[in-house]
Amino acid sequence: MPLSMVKTGMPGTIYKINGRDHTRRFLEGLGFVEGERVTVVSELGGNLILQVKDARVALDRSMANRIWVEDAVG
């Protein structure tokens, strides 16, 4: 399921990142890589605050839709 559908507090494992090469490289630079655990910390005004690789990152919903996770309950 897309990361934007994961409920607050639920962890998941990234298994696919969609988008053009520059978009995927941008997300990888922020720590969003296949196999990495990610947790939705909170949602604020359509943006998601995410915990990934010991850092908190804010993404808008359209970017979060490009990240697909498994092991999370939507």
PDB file of N, CA and C in Angstrom:
ATOM      1  N   MET A   1       0.843  -1.181   0.000  1.00  0.00           N
ATOM      2  CA  MET A   1       0.000   0.000   0.000  1.00  0.00           C
ATOM      3  C   MET A   1       0.884   1.239   0.000  1.00  0.00           C
ATOM      4  N   PRO A   2       0.381   2.340  -0.516  1.00  0.00           N
ATOM      5  CA  PRO A   2       1.174   3.576  -0.493  1.00  0.00           C
ATOM      6  C   PRO A   2       1.374   4.071   0.946  1.00  0.00           C
ATOM      7  N   LEU A   3       2.490   4.674   1.190  1.00  0.00           N
ATOM      8  CA  LEU A   3       2.817   5.182   2.520  1.00  0.00           C
ATOM      9  C   LEU A   3       1.777   6.183   3.007  1.00  0.00           C
ATOM     10  N   SER A   4       1.156   6.898   2.100  1.00  0.00           N
ATOM     11  CA  SER A   4       0.149   7.894   2.485  1.00  0.00           C
ATOM     12  C   SER A   4      -1.097   7.263   3.104  1.00  0.00           C
ATOM     13  N   MET A   5      -1.287   5.953   2.945  1.00  0.00           N
ATOM     14  CA  MET A   5      -2.459   5.262   3.480  1.00  0.00           C
ATOM     15  C   MET A   5      -2.200   4.626   4.849  1.00  0.00           C
ATOM     16  N   VAL A   6      -0.966   4.638   5.305  1.00  0.00           N
ATOM     17  CA  VAL A   6      -0.606   4.015   6.580  1.00  0.00           C
ATOM     18  C   VAL A   6      -1.039   4.918   7.728  1.00  0.00           C
ATOM     19  N   LYS A   7      -1.623   4.309   8.753  1.00  0.00           N
ATOM     20  CA  LYS A   7      -2.088   5.076   9.905  1.00  0.00           C
ATOM     21  C   LYS A   7      -0.923   5.532  10.778  1.00  0.00           C
ATOM     22  N   THR A   8      -1.145   6.609  11.490  1.00  0.00           N
ATOM     23  CA  THR A   8      -0.145   7.165  12.402  1.00  0.00           C
ATOM     24  C   THR A   8       0.292   6.116  13.421  1.00  0.00           C
ATOM     25  N   GLY A   9       1.602   6.021  13.619  1.00  0.00           N
ATOM     26  CA  GLY A   9       2.160   5.091  14.588  1.00  0.00           C
ATOM     27  C   GLY A   9       2.471   3.717  14.033  1.00  0.00           C
ATOM     28  N   MET A  10       2.061   3.444  12.809  1.00  0.00           N
ATOM     29  CA  MET A  10       2.262   2.121  12.229  1.00  0.00           C
ATOM     30  C   MET A  10       3.559   2.084  11.421  1.00  0.00           C
ATOM     31  N   PRO A  11       4.439   1.120  11.724  1.00  0.00           N
ATOM     32  CA  PRO A  11       5.666   0.972  10.928  1.00  0.00           C
ATOM     33  C   PRO A  11       5.404   0.100   9.700  1.00  0.00           C
ATOM     34  N   GLY A  12       6.242   0.243   8.714  1.00  0.00           N
ATOM     35  CA  GLY A  12       6.172  -0.586   7.521  1.00  0.00           C
ATOM     36  C   GLY A  12       7.553  -0.690   6.903  1.00  0.00           C
ATOM     37  N   THR A  13       7.678  -1.602   5.953  1.00  0.00           N
ATOM     38  CA  THR A  13       8.941  -1.798   5.248  1.00  0.00           C
ATOM     39  C   THR A  13       8.769  -1.355   3.805  1.00  0.00           C
ATOM     40  N   ILE A  14       9.657  -0.513   3.334  1.00  0.00           N
ATOM     41  CA  ILE A  14       9.590  -0.016   1.960  1.00  0.00           C
ATOM     42  C   ILE A  14       9.952  -1.152   1.010  1.00  0.00           C
ATOM     43  N   TYR A  15       9.094  -1.408   0.033  1.00  0.00           N
ATOM     44  CA  TYR A  15       9.430  -2.435  -0.943  1.00  0.00           C
ATOM     45  C   TYR A  15       9.470  -1.910  -2.372  1.00  0.00           C
ATOM     46  N   LYS A  16       8.994  -0.701  -2.613  1.00  0.00           N
ATOM     47  CA  LYS A  16       9.051  -0.151  -3.967  1.00  0.00           C
ATOM     48  C   LYS A  16       8.918   1.362  -3.899  1.00  0.00           C
ATOM     49  N   ILE A  17       9.656   2.053  -4.788  1.00  0.00           N
ATOM     50  CA  ILE A  17       9.536   3.500  -4.913  1.00  0.00           C
ATOM     51  C   ILE A  17       9.267   3.803  -6.381  1.00  0.00           C
ATOM     52  N   ASN A  18       8.133   4.418  -6.639  1.00  0.00           N
ATOM     53  CA  ASN A  18       7.742   4.772  -8.002  1.00  0.00           C
ATOM     54  C   ASN A  18       8.187   6.189  -8.330  1.00  0.00           C
ATOM     55  N   GLY A  19       8.269   6.483  -9.596  1.00  0.00           N
ATOM     56  CA  GLY A  19       8.601   7.834 -10.029  1.00  0.00           C
ATOM     57  C   GLY A  19       9.769   7.832 -10.989  1.00  0.00           C
ATOM     58  N   ARG A  20      10.058   9.014 -11.488  1.00  0.00           N
ATOM     59  CA  ARG A  20      11.193   9.173 -12.400  1.00  0.00           C
ATOM     60  C   ARG A  20      12.501   9.034 -11.633  1.00  0.00           C
ATOM     61  N   ASP A  21      13.573   8.883 -12.375  1.00  0.00           N
ATOM     62  CA  ASP A  21      14.885   8.662 -11.757  1.00  0.00           C
ATOM     63  C   ASP A  21      15.242   9.754 -10.752  1.00  0.00           C
ATOM     64  N   HIS A  22      15.034  11.022 -11.112  1.00  0.00           N
ATOM     65  CA  HIS A  22      15.427  12.098 -10.197  1.00  0.00           C
ATOM     66  C   HIS A  22      14.566  12.100  -8.930  1.00  0.00           C
ATOM     67  N   THR A  23      13.304  11.679  -9.043  1.00  0.00           N
ATOM     68  CA  THR A  23      12.430  11.598  -7.871  1.00  0.00           C
ATOM     69  C   THR A  23      12.890  10.470  -6.955  1.00  0.00           C
ATOM     70  N   ARG A  24      13.211   9.320  -7.537  1.00  0.00           N
ATOM     71  CA  ARG A  24      13.684   8.193  -6.736  1.00  0.00           C
ATOM     72  C   ARG A  24      15.015   8.519  -6.052  1.00  0.00           C
ATOM     73  N   ARG A  25      15.911   9.194  -6.769  1.00  0.00           N
ATOM     74  CA  ARG A  25      17.197   9.580  -6.170  1.00  0.00           C
ATOM     75  C   ARG A  25      16.997  10.576  -5.030  1.00  0.00           C
ATOM     76  N   PHE A  26      16.057  11.509  -5.199  1.00  0.00           N
ATOM     77  CA  PHE A  26      15.746  12.468  -4.141  1.00  0.00           C
ATOM     78  C   PHE A  26      15.278  11.744  -2.885  1.00  0.00           C
ATOM     79  N   LEU A  27      14.342  10.813  -3.049  1.00  0.00           N
ATOM     80  CA  LEU A  27      13.819  10.071  -1.901  1.00  0.00           C
ATOM     81  C   LEU A  27      14.891   9.185  -1.277  1.00  0.00           C
ATOM     82  N   GLU A  28      15.725   8.573  -2.100  1.00  0.00           N
ATOM     83  CA  GLU A  28      16.820   7.755  -1.571  1.00  0.00           C
ATOM     84  C   GLU A  28      17.786   8.609  -0.757  1.00  0.00           C
ATOM     85  N   GLY A  29      18.021   9.834  -1.179  1.00  0.00           N
ATOM     86  CA  GLY A  29      18.883  10.746  -0.440  1.00  0.00           C
ATOM     87  C   GLY A  29      18.332  11.100   0.930  1.00  0.00           C
ATOM     88  N   LEU A  30      17.012  11.029   1.066  1.00  0.00           N
ATOM     89  CA  LEU A  30      16.372  11.289   2.356  1.00  0.00           C
ATOM     90  C   LEU A  30      16.326  10.046   3.238  1.00  0.00           C
ATOM     91  N   GLY A  31      16.724   8.884   2.683  1.00  0.00           N
ATOM     92  CA  GLY A  31      16.729   7.647   3.462  1.00  0.00           C
ATOM     93  C   GLY A  31      15.659   6.650   3.075  1.00  0.00           C
ATOM     94  N   PHE A  32      14.838   6.981   2.096  1.00  0.00           N
ATOM     95  CA  PHE A  32      13.765   6.080   1.679  1.00  0.00           C
ATOM     96  C   PHE A  32      14.305   5.119   0.626  1.00  0.00           C
ATOM     97  N   VAL A  33      14.788   3.965   1.091  1.00  0.00           N
ATOM     98  CA  VAL A  33      15.333   2.946   0.208  1.00  0.00           C
ATOM     99  C   VAL A  33      14.608   1.631   0.465  1.00  0.00           C
ATOM    100  N   GLU A  34      14.594   0.772  -0.535  1.00  0.00           N
ATOM    101  CA  GLU A  34      13.924  -0.523  -0.412  1.00  0.00           C
ATOM    102  C   GLU A  34      14.528  -1.315   0.740  1.00  0.00           C
ATOM    103  N   GLY A  35      13.652  -1.914   1.542  1.00  0.00           N
ATOM    104  CA  GLY A  35      14.074  -2.707   2.692  1.00  0.00           C
ATOM    105  C   GLY A  35      14.169  -1.930   3.988  1.00  0.00           C
ATOM    106  N   GLU A  36      14.103  -0.617   3.924  1.00  0.00           N
ATOM    107  CA  GLU A  36      14.215   0.234   5.119  1.00  0.00           C
ATOM    108  C   GLU A  36      12.864   0.324   5.836  1.00  0.00           C
ATOM    109  N   ARG A  37      12.904   0.360   7.161  1.00  0.00           N
ATOM    110  CA  ARG A  37      11.692   0.528   7.964  1.00  0.00           C
ATOM    111  C   ARG A  37      11.335   2.012   8.026  1.00  0.00           C
ATOM    112  N   VAL A  38      10.047   2.289   7.948  1.00  0.00           N
ATOM    113  CA  VAL A  38       9.558   3.661   8.024  1.00  0.00           C
ATOM    114  C   VAL A  38       8.298   3.671   8.884  1.00  0.00           C
ATOM    115  N   THR A  39       8.147   4.707   9.700  1.00  0.00           N
ATOM    116  CA  THR A  39       6.984   4.842  10.581  1.00  0.00           C
ATOM    117  C   THR A  39       6.354   6.203  10.367  1.00  0.00           C
ATOM    118  N   VAL A  40       5.028   6.225  10.285  1.00  0.00           N
ATOM    119  CA  VAL A  40       4.294   7.486  10.197  1.00  0.00           C
ATOM    120  C   VAL A  40       4.178   8.033  11.620  1.00  0.00           C
ATOM    121  N   VAL A  41       4.828   9.156  11.883  1.00  0.00           N
ATOM    122  CA  VAL A  41       4.820   9.764  13.216  1.00  0.00           C
ATOM    123  C   VAL A  41       3.566  10.605  13.403  1.00  0.00           C
ATOM    124  N   SER A  42       3.240  11.428  12.403  1.00  0.00           N
ATOM    125  CA  SER A  42       2.032  12.246  12.486  1.00  0.00           C
ATOM    126  C   SER A  42       1.656  12.749  11.099  1.00  0.00           C
ATOM    127  N   GLU A  43       0.465  13.304  11.042  1.00  0.00           N
ATOM    128  CA  GLU A  43      -0.033  13.899   9.806  1.00  0.00           C
ATOM    129  C   GLU A  43      -0.502  15.299  10.147  1.00  0.00           C
ATOM    130  N   LEU A  44      -0.050  16.268   9.366  1.00  0.00           N
ATOM    131  CA  LEU A  44      -0.367  17.652   9.663  1.00  0.00           C
ATOM    132  C   LEU A  44      -0.630  18.403   8.369  1.00  0.00           C
ATOM    133  N   GLY A  45      -1.851  18.817   8.147  1.00  0.00           N
ATOM    134  CA  GLY A  45      -2.203  19.603   6.974  1.00  0.00           C
ATOM    135  C   GLY A  45      -1.940  18.903   5.651  1.00  0.00           C
ATOM    136  N   GLY A  46      -2.118  17.588   5.604  1.00  0.00           N
ATOM    137  CA  GLY A  46      -1.878  16.843   4.379  1.00  0.00           C
ATOM    138  C   GLY A  46      -0.443  16.384   4.211  1.00  0.00           C
ATOM    139  N   ASN A  47       0.439  16.827   5.104  1.00  0.00           N
ATOM    140  CA  ASN A  47       1.838  16.390   5.075  1.00  0.00           C
ATOM    141  C   ASN A  47       2.034  15.288   6.106  1.00  0.00           C
ATOM    142  N   LEU A  48       2.982  14.398   5.822  1.00  0.00           N
ATOM    143  CA  LEU A  48       3.281  13.309   6.738  1.00  0.00           C
ATOM    144  C   LEU A  48       4.650  13.546   7.367  1.00  0.00           C
ATOM    145  N   ILE A  49       4.727  13.339   8.674  1.00  0.00           N
ATOM    146  CA  ILE A  49       6.001  13.350   9.380  1.00  0.00           C
ATOM    147  C   ILE A  49       6.376  11.883   9.544  1.00  0.00           C
ATOM    148  N   LEU A  50       7.551  11.510   9.016  1.00  0.00           N
ATOM    149  CA  LEU A  50       7.959  10.113   8.963  1.00  0.00           C
ATOM    150  C   LEU A  50       9.272   9.903   9.695  1.00  0.00           C
ATOM    151  N   GLN A  51       9.397   8.750  10.319  1.00  0.00           N
ATOM    152  CA  GLN A  51      10.651   8.352  10.966  1.00  0.00           C
ATOM    153  C   GLN A  51      11.314   7.329  10.056  1.00  0.00           C
ATOM    154  N   VAL A  52      12.521   7.653   9.564  1.00  0.00           N
ATOM    155  CA  VAL A  52      13.274   6.751   8.708  1.00  0.00           C
ATOM    156  C   VAL A  52      14.762   6.945   8.997  1.00  0.00           C
ATOM    157  N   LYS A  53      15.477   5.851   9.214  1.00  0.00           N
ATOM    158  CA  LYS A  53      16.923   5.899   9.478  1.00  0.00           C
ATOM    159  C   LYS A  53      17.292   6.908  10.562  1.00  0.00           C
ATOM    160  N   ASP A  54      16.674   6.820  11.715  1.00  0.00           N
ATOM    161  CA  ASP A  54      16.967   7.692  12.862  1.00  0.00           C
ATOM    162  C   ASP A  54      16.780   9.174  12.575  1.00  0.00           C
ATOM    163  N   ALA A  55      15.949   9.510  11.607  1.00  0.00           N
ATOM    164  CA  ALA A  55      15.666  10.910  11.288  1.00  0.00           C
ATOM    165  C   ALA A  55      14.168  11.072  11.063  1.00  0.00           C
ATOM    166  N   ARG A  56      13.691  12.269  11.263  1.00  0.00           N
ATOM    167  CA  ARG A  56      12.298  12.588  10.949  1.00  0.00           C
ATOM    168  C   ARG A  56      12.279  13.455   9.706  1.00  0.00           C
ATOM    169  N   VAL A  57      11.409  13.072   8.777  1.00  0.00           N
ATOM    170  CA  VAL A  57      11.326  13.741   7.483  1.00  0.00           C
ATOM    171  C   VAL A  57       9.868  14.068   7.216  1.00  0.00           C
ATOM    172  N   ALA A  58       9.599  15.258   6.673  1.00  0.00           N
ATOM    173  CA  ALA A  58       8.244  15.636   6.273  1.00  0.00           C
ATOM    174  C   ALA A  58       8.127  15.486   4.763  1.00  0.00           C
ATOM    175  N   LEU A  59       7.055  14.813   4.330  1.00  0.00           N
ATOM    176  CA  LEU A  59       6.754  14.666   2.904  1.00  0.00           C
ATOM    177  C   LEU A  59       5.312  15.044   2.665  1.00  0.00           C
ATOM    178  N   ASP A  60       5.041  15.627   1.505  1.00  0.00           N
ATOM    179  CA  ASP A  60       3.640  15.864   1.174  1.00  0.00           C
ATOM    180  C   ASP A  60       3.015  14.555   0.680  1.00  0.00           C
ATOM    181  N   ARG A  61       1.717  14.546   0.633  1.00  0.00           N
ATOM    182  CA  ARG A  61       0.979  13.328   0.306  1.00  0.00           C
ATOM    183  C   ARG A  61       1.330  12.790  -1.084  1.00  0.00           C
ATOM    184  N   SER A  62       1.569  13.660  -2.051  1.00  0.00           N
ATOM    185  CA  SER A  62       1.883  13.190  -3.398  1.00  0.00           C
ATOM    186  C   SER A  62       3.219  12.457  -3.432  1.00  0.00           C
ATOM    187  N   MET A  63       4.198  12.903  -2.657  1.00  0.00           N
ATOM    188  CA  MET A  63       5.476  12.191  -2.587  1.00  0.00           C
ATOM    189  C   MET A  63       5.313  10.878  -1.829  1.00  0.00           C
ATOM    190  N   ALA A  64       4.533  10.903  -0.755  1.00  0.00           N
ATOM    191  CA  ALA A  64       4.313   9.685   0.028  1.00  0.00           C
ATOM    192  C   ALA A  64       3.579   8.623  -0.792  1.00  0.00           C
ATOM    193  N   ASN A  65       2.777   9.045  -1.764  1.00  0.00           N
ATOM    194  CA  ASN A  65       2.084   8.087  -2.631  1.00  0.00           C
ATOM    195  C   ASN A  65       3.046   7.301  -3.506  1.00  0.00           C
ATOM    196  N   ARG A  66       4.242   7.794  -3.703  1.00  0.00           N
ATOM    197  CA  ARG A  66       5.238   7.106  -4.540  1.00  0.00           C
ATOM    198  C   ARG A  66       5.974   6.009  -3.786  1.00  0.00           C
ATOM    199  N   ILE A  67       5.866   6.003  -2.469  1.00  0.00           N
ATOM    200  CA  ILE A  67       6.568   5.027  -1.635  1.00  0.00           C
ATOM    201  C   ILE A  67       5.579   3.939  -1.225  1.00  0.00           C
ATOM    202  N   TRP A  68       5.866   2.699  -1.598  1.00  0.00           N
ATOM    203  CA  TRP A  68       4.999   1.575  -1.276  1.00  0.00           C
ATOM    204  C   TRP A  68       5.619   0.764  -0.162  1.00  0.00           C
ATOM    205  N   VAL A  69       4.785   0.424   0.833  1.00  0.00           N
ATOM    206  CA  VAL A  69       5.256  -0.317   2.004  1.00  0.00           C
ATOM    207  C   VAL A  69       4.455  -1.599   2.183  1.00  0.00           C
ATOM    208  N   GLU A  70       5.076  -2.533   2.904  1.00  0.00           N
ATOM    209  CA  GLU A  70       4.392  -3.761   3.296  1.00  0.00           C
ATOM    210  C   GLU A  70       4.514  -3.903   4.803  1.00  0.00           C
ATOM    211  N   ASP A  71       3.815  -4.829   5.361  1.00  0.00           N
ATOM    212  CA  ASP A  71       3.824  -5.097   6.807  1.00  0.00           C
ATOM    213  C   ASP A  71       3.157  -4.009   7.626  1.00  0.00           C
ATOM    214  N   ALA A  72       2.448  -3.102   7.000  1.00  0.00           N
ATOM    215  CA  ALA A  72       1.755  -2.030   7.722  1.00  0.00           C
ATOM    216  C   ALA A  72       0.250  -2.259   7.597  1.00  0.00           C
ATOM    217  N   VAL A  73      -0.463  -1.911   8.647  1.00  0.00           N
ATOM    218  CA  VAL A  73      -1.914  -2.016   8.620  1.00  0.00           C
ATOM    219  C   VAL A  73      -2.468  -0.653   8.312  1.00  0.00           C
ATOM    220  N   GLY A  74      -3.218  -0.537   7.199  1.00  0.00           N
ATOM    221  CA  GLY A  74      -3.726   0.753   6.765  1.00  0.00           C
ATOM    222  C   GLY A  74      -4.895   1.173   7.537  1.00  0.00           C
TER     223      GLY A  74
END
